[in-house]
């Protein structure tokens, strides 16, 4: 009940213009003046929240607050930058077989775990096998991995069940030694028991310590046990940084003044269509609806600016997103031309009503379509009812959100028999194009994506609407220079000032 009340209060703040999106100036231009080190004093110590009763294991843990700390303690073979492009981290180099199924990753030398032992290929293989095993938060991502083994001391072999030319984009998984509650990592900090509680202490033996100068030698961890504790600790400045999804179903309503640092995610909001019958069984109807939706308007009004409009099923910040191919077309005329053939037919737009932002977006889309003479009924349901209706095909179109992987593979959404292909789409040319996209290496990925996106724009089994952003909140004036990315809000922390 408290969470729902907080969500309602936060929605009210959005309506009256008190959201961070509307009032917080862009961080890159009107950032508050820094405090601490730049003014001659010692930098203010950063304090972060932690659920002490939850595990710190980056793959086996379920607590999102503790998972936020993972990049400070653990590293992966790769990191993802602001465009979701894989950059080398613990991996020094790699090669793949001609059929794209076997990859060999060579590890960086002289890397040590926080317990002082050297990083070995067997350690990495064990960590990846834990990450793809039962109970791991990364199990679905790594479902296409057939085996992970060590070759000698410094090479890890990964064998896939189907080719994936962009496998490194999936391997930013933070690696831990063992399966304990507080396993060693190779990251810049290690977890220690201080006099006042848990502390993250900077590792002098970190392999990147000579390149990255972190001003925070110790980071205090403030123990919380509930979302209410988290809200209170931030509002009273006992912690200096929190993360949130402003448009999430259970978003917390932070009430103090704060600076907002948005970052892009792979969470795509889209319209899906029932392709097997009814009015949306016709590709021209689906394509016209897709083109008629006002995506920029949805981002502004329904998602309070915490999203980026998208016509293609890849994040607008990804190199795969071709601005030319994504040029908006006037779908209104095409939809108006179709209204006679749709006369007497009412389309059912299904949406999960538990998320007020998506429910509002569905109503806005329906109003747009009605403006072109198309009758639309919005049907809301709780999550279980929504999922049941999707599986039974009780819709003409539906609004959904999907957390895509960073390789932007669409197989589950539009592939024949895909687990999220609720509309039953089975385009004759789509299967080969999906395969070509998945198998393409870096040199051919752009052209393979363009061919796939062209086919999907014409058939329109789904209509991408936007990619959500999530947010880091800090109190005004406490720190500057943040550049968060998905999966690592501490990205380039060496550039922060306090």
Foldseek 3Di string as FASTA:
>chain_A
DVLVVQLVVLVVCLVVQNDLLRPFDDQVPDAFAADAPVVPHAADAAEAADAVVWFLPLWQTDDVRSVQCLQQFFWWQWDADQQLATDGDQFPDKDADPQQFKIKTFGDPQFAWPVGHGQWQQQNQVQVCSNCDPNTPNVVVCVQWPGWDGDPGTMIMTGGPAHFQRVSSSTRRTGFGDDDRQGIHLHQWHWDADPVGIKTAGDPSRPCCVPFPFSNRIYHYDHDNDVVRVLVCQQVVVHFKDWFFSQDLSTGNRDHAWHKDKGFALKFKWKFFQCPDDPLVDQLLLLLLLLQDDLVVLCVPLVVVQWFWFQFSGAPSHPLRDVVLGDRDHSLVSLLVCLVVQPPPEFEEEEAPSRVSQVVSSVSSQVSSVVSVHHYDYDYDHPVVSVVCLQVVVGRMYIDIDRARSLSQCCLCANQVRVNVSSRHHDPPQVVLSSCLRNDHPVCNNVSSSVNRVVCSSRVSMGTRITGIIIMIGHRNSKGDFDQYPSHSCVSVSRMGD
